[in-house]
Amino acid sequence: MPQSPPTDPTHFTSEIDTGLDVETDVETVVTAGPRASAVAGSGTEILLELVDDEGVTTGTAEKLWAHQQPGRLHRAFSVFLFDRQGRMLLQRRALCKYHSPGVWSNTCCGHPYPGEPPFVAAARRTAEELGAAPALLCEAGTVRYDLPDETSGLIEREWNHLFVGLITAPVEPDPDEVDDFAFVTAQELRELRAERPFSVWFETVFEAALPGIREIAGRDW
């Protein structure tokens, strides 16, 4: 399917009518490093930020415990990055991951450390997983969902901050996080979703991020 050219990133201002908020100082936040408050005890316990139904922080919880039934509502982020041809960068999650191993998903997703701004977490984690920081990253709203994963028995109860942007550097994924990656057009994404399993959250975050995706990658999306 022919695609319209991706939007020139200079089109963006700090606030535009679509609700996208642009952030461009990505390199700075990627090098900020993880927060000590995210680690408890020996350093092996990863903490998430719990929130209420309005997205207000209420406390912290250990990562795996928060994903076990019935689940605890927590803050998360999802990133959708595109190349200059308007193709979306997908990743297939590493087989060693405890949650949704070996399935395809969006560019990057994860959880901010307690007290870490979601934008900072999204930029940091993208660089950690894919070996390349976004060249442009924009806020694209939030979405709340409760999505059980029948395969693992875990549940995603998340207040998810959405980000869309551009990637221009070569991708060099961490094999402990990413088994494979691909840049796909909208038509290729539809075909891949018909053939291969995707993460339980992909459809929800993709649909919620579509207005922002079309601002970055063109109306064919």
Protein backbone atom coordinates (compact mmCIF):
# COMPACT_ATOMS: atom_id res chain seq x y z
CA MET A 1 0.00 0.00 0.00
CA PRO A 2 1.52 3.39 -0.96
CA GLN A 3 2.08 5.62 2.02
CA SER A 4 2.11 9.36 2.39
CA PRO A 5 5.44 10.82 3.53
CA PRO A 6 5.97 11.09 7.28
CA THR A 7 5.38 14.46 8.84
CA ASP A 8 8.41 16.74 9.00
CA PRO A 9 9.35 16.91 12.71
CA THR A 10 9.81 20.66 12.47
CA HIS A 11 6.03 20.84 12.05
CA PHE A 12 5.58 20.39 15.78
CA THR A 13 5.37 23.07 18.43
CA SER A 14 5.14 22.53 22.17
CA GLU A 15 1.34 22.37 21.96
CA ILE A 16 -0.66 21.67 18.82
CA ASP A 17 -4.35 21.10 18.18
CA THR A 18 -4.07 17.31 18.15
CA GLY A 19 -2.95 17.31 21.78
CA LEU A 20 0.53 16.05 21.00
CA ASP A 21 3.24 17.53 23.22
CA VAL A 22 6.66 17.39 21.63
CA GLU A 23 9.84 16.64 23.54
CA THR A 24 13.16 16.81 21.68
CA ASP A 25 15.89 16.68 24.35
CA VAL A 26 15.96 12.88 24.22
CA GLU A 27 19.72 12.37 24.51
CA THR A 28 19.83 14.12 27.87
CA VAL A 29 17.16 11.98 29.50
CA VAL A 30 18.56 8.73 28.12
CA THR A 31 21.88 9.34 29.85
CA ALA A 32 20.24 10.21 33.17
CA GLY A 33 20.37 6.58 34.36
CA PRO A 34 17.98 4.60 36.57
CA ARG A 35 16.70 5.96 39.85
CA ALA A 36 17.89 4.40 43.07
CA SER A 37 14.35 4.54 44.47
CA ALA A 38 13.31 1.83 42.00
CA VAL A 39 15.40 -0.80 43.72
CA ALA A 40 14.79 -2.18 47.19
CA GLY A 41 16.89 -4.39 49.43
CA SER A 42 19.57 -6.28 47.52
CA GLY A 43 18.86 -4.50 44.24
CA THR A 44 16.94 -7.37 42.63
CA GLU A 45 13.42 -6.16 43.45
CA ILE A 46 12.00 -3.85 40.78
CA LEU A 47 9.32 -1.46 42.01
CA LEU A 48 6.45 0.00 40.00
CA GLU A 49 4.42 3.11 40.73
CA LEU A 50 0.83 2.32 41.76
CA VAL A 51 -1.92 4.77 40.75
CA ASP A 52 -5.62 5.30 41.36
CA ASP A 53 -8.35 5.48 38.70
CA GLU A 54 -7.39 9.10 37.98
CA GLY A 55 -3.73 8.29 37.41
CA VAL A 56 -2.61 9.77 40.73
CA THR A 57 0.30 8.00 42.45
CA THR A 58 -0.73 6.00 45.52
CA GLY A 59 2.38 3.97 46.34
CA THR A 60 4.70 1.29 44.96
CA ALA A 61 4.61 -2.45 44.39
CA GLU A 62 7.01 -5.17 43.28
CA LYS A 63 6.79 -5.69 39.51
CA LEU A 64 5.80 -9.36 39.26
CA TRP A 65 3.39 -9.12 42.21
CA ALA A 66 1.60 -6.19 40.54
CA HIS A 67 1.01 -8.33 37.44
CA GLN A 68 -0.39 -11.34 39.28
CA GLN A 69 -4.17 -11.77 39.53
CA PRO A 70 -6.17 -9.74 40.41
CA GLY A 71 -3.50 -7.18 39.45
CA ARG A 72 -2.69 -3.74 40.82
CA LEU A 73 -3.23 -0.62 38.72
CA HIS A 74 0.19 0.87 37.94
CA ARG A 75 1.88 3.41 35.68
CA ALA A 76 3.29 2.24 32.35
CA PHE A 77 4.35 3.61 28.97
CA SER A 78 4.17 2.50 25.34
CA VAL A 79 6.32 3.87 22.50
CA PHE A 80 5.67 3.84 18.74
CA LEU A 81 8.62 4.96 16.64
CA PHE A 82 8.78 5.42 12.86
CA ASP A 83 11.53 5.81 10.30
CA ARG A 84 11.55 8.60 7.73
CA GLN A 85 9.58 6.41 5.30
CA GLY A 86 6.69 6.26 7.75
CA ARG A 87 7.27 2.62 8.74
CA MET A 88 6.62 1.50 12.33
CA LEU A 89 9.39 -0.17 14.30
CA LEU A 90 8.12 -3.38 15.91
CA GLN A 91 9.97 -5.71 18.23
CA ARG A 92 9.53 -9.38 19.02
CA ARG A 93 10.01 -9.86 22.71
CA ALA A 94 12.86 -12.09 23.85
CA LEU A 95 12.00 -15.67 24.69
CA CYS A 96 13.56 -15.32 28.15
CA LYS A 97 11.08 -12.64 29.30
CA TYR A 98 8.66 -13.78 31.99
CA HIS A 99 5.73 -11.85 30.49
CA SER A 100 4.61 -12.32 26.86
CA PRO A 101 7.84 -13.92 25.57
CA GLY A 102 8.33 -14.40 21.85
CA VAL A 103 5.39 -12.27 20.68
CA TRP A 104 5.45 -9.15 18.53
CA SER A 105 4.67 -5.78 20.05
CA ASN A 106 5.17 -2.04 19.63
CA THR A 107 8.60 -0.39 19.57
CA CYS A 108 9.03 -0.38 23.33
CA CYS A 109 6.91 -0.61 26.47
CA GLY A 110 7.61 -0.72 30.16
CA HIS A 111 7.22 0.98 33.51
CA PRO A 112 8.72 4.17 34.91
CA TYR A 113 10.66 3.84 38.13
CA PRO A 114 8.80 5.38 41.08
CA GLY A 115 9.07 9.14 40.70
CA GLU A 116 10.53 8.94 37.18
CA PRO A 117 8.66 11.02 34.54
CA PRO A 118 7.10 8.73 31.91
CA PHE A 119 8.83 10.62 29.07
CA VAL A 120 12.21 10.01 30.68
CA ALA A 121 11.41 6.33 31.20
CA ALA A 122 10.22 5.90 27.60
CA ALA A 123 13.36 7.44 26.11
CA ARG A 124 15.66 5.61 28.52
CA ARG A 125 14.08 2.21 28.00
CA THR A 126 13.97 2.53 24.21
CA ALA A 127 17.72 3.14 24.20
CA GLU A 128 18.34 0.23 26.58
CA GLU A 129 16.28 -2.29 24.59
CA LEU A 130 17.00 -1.19 21.02
CA GLY A 131 20.42 0.45 21.28
CA ALA A 132 19.15 3.69 19.75
CA ALA A 133 17.42 6.68 21.30
CA PRO A 134 14.44 8.34 19.59
CA ALA A 135 15.31 11.33 17.41
CA LEU A 136 11.91 12.82 18.31
CA LEU A 137 9.43 11.81 20.99
CA CYS A 138 5.95 13.24 21.54
CA GLU A 139 3.30 12.61 24.17
CA ALA A 140 0.17 11.07 22.66
CA GLY A 141 -2.21 10.78 25.62
CA THR A 142 -2.96 8.00 28.10
CA VAL A 143 -5.09 4.86 28.15
CA ARG A 144 -6.25 2.71 31.07
CA TYR A 145 -6.96 -1.00 30.67
CA ASP A 146 -7.35 -4.36 32.43
CA LEU A 147 -6.09 -7.07 30.09
CA PRO A 148 -5.54 -10.66 31.28
CA ASP A 149 -2.96 -12.77 29.44
CA GLU A 150 -4.30 -16.34 29.20
CA THR A 151 -0.92 -17.77 28.21
CA SER A 152 1.00 -16.54 31.26
CA GLY A 153 -1.89 -16.15 33.70
CA LEU A 154 -0.72 -12.61 34.41
CA ILE A 155 -2.77 -9.42 34.02
CA GLU A 156 -2.00 -5.94 32.73
CA ARG A 157 -3.81 -3.35 34.86
CA GLU A 158 -2.15 -0.21 33.62
CA TRP A 159 -2.43 3.55 33.34
CA ASN A 160 -0.40 3.78 30.16
CA HIS A 161 1.33 6.92 28.88
CA LEU A 162 1.60 6.85 25.07
CA PHE A 163 4.48 8.25 23.01
CA VAL A 164 5.09 8.49 19.28
CA GLY A 165 8.20 9.65 17.47
CA LEU A 166 10.99 9.15 14.98
CA ILE A 167 14.06 6.94 15.02
CA THR A 168 16.98 7.63 12.68
CA ALA A 169 19.93 5.76 14.25
CA PRO A 170 20.70 2.11 13.44
CA VAL A 171 18.90 -0.35 15.72
CA GLU A 172 21.12 -2.67 17.77
CA PRO A 173 18.76 -4.56 20.11
CA ASP A 174 19.72 -6.15 23.41
CA PRO A 175 19.22 -9.91 22.87
CA ASP A 176 18.06 -10.30 26.46
CA GLU A 177 15.13 -7.99 25.67
CA VAL A 178 14.47 -8.25 21.93
CA ASP A 179 14.48 -11.42 19.82
CA ASP A 180 13.84 -9.67 16.49
CA PHE A 181 12.66 -6.36 15.02
CA ALA A 182 11.07 -5.08 11.84
CA PHE A 183 10.03 -1.81 10.19
CA VAL A 184 6.55 -2.27 8.69
CA THR A 185 4.00 -0.33 6.70
CA ALA A 186 0.37 -0.22 7.80
CA GLN A 187 -0.48 -3.02 5.34
CA GLU A 188 2.46 -5.13 6.48
CA LEU A 189 1.35 -4.67 10.08
CA ARG A 190 -2.12 -5.97 9.24
CA GLU A 191 -0.61 -9.00 7.53
CA LEU A 192 1.77 -9.72 10.40
CA ARG A 193 -1.03 -9.44 12.98
CA ALA A 194 -3.06 -11.98 10.97
CA GLU A 195 -0.16 -14.45 10.96
CA ARG A 196 1.72 -14.03 14.25
CA PRO A 197 0.82 -13.56 17.93
CA PHE A 198 1.06 -10.05 19.36
CA SER A 199 1.17 -8.84 22.95
CA VAL A 200 -2.17 -8.71 24.74
CA TRP A 201 -1.90 -4.92 25.08
CA PHE A 202 -0.89 -4.09 21.49
CA GLU A 203 -4.32 -3.50 19.97
CA THR A 204 -5.46 -1.29 22.87
CA VAL A 205 -2.40 0.96 22.91
CA PHE A 206 -2.19 1.08 19.10
CA GLU A 207 -5.79 2.25 18.73
CA ALA A 208 -5.35 4.82 21.50
CA ALA A 209 -2.16 6.18 19.93
CA LEU A 210 -3.51 6.37 16.34
CA PRO A 211 -4.16 10.15 16.30
CA GLY A 212 -0.55 10.77 17.30
CA ILE A 213 0.74 8.08 14.96
CA ARG A 214 -0.97 9.77 12.00
CA GLU A 215 0.61 13.09 12.89
CA ILE A 216 4.05 11.50 12.73
CA ALA A 217 3.73 8.83 10.05
CA GLY A 218 0.97 10.00 7.72
CA ARG A 219 -2.75 9.44 7.22
CA ASP A 220 -2.35 5.98 5.71
CA TRP A 221 -2.10 4.70 9.27
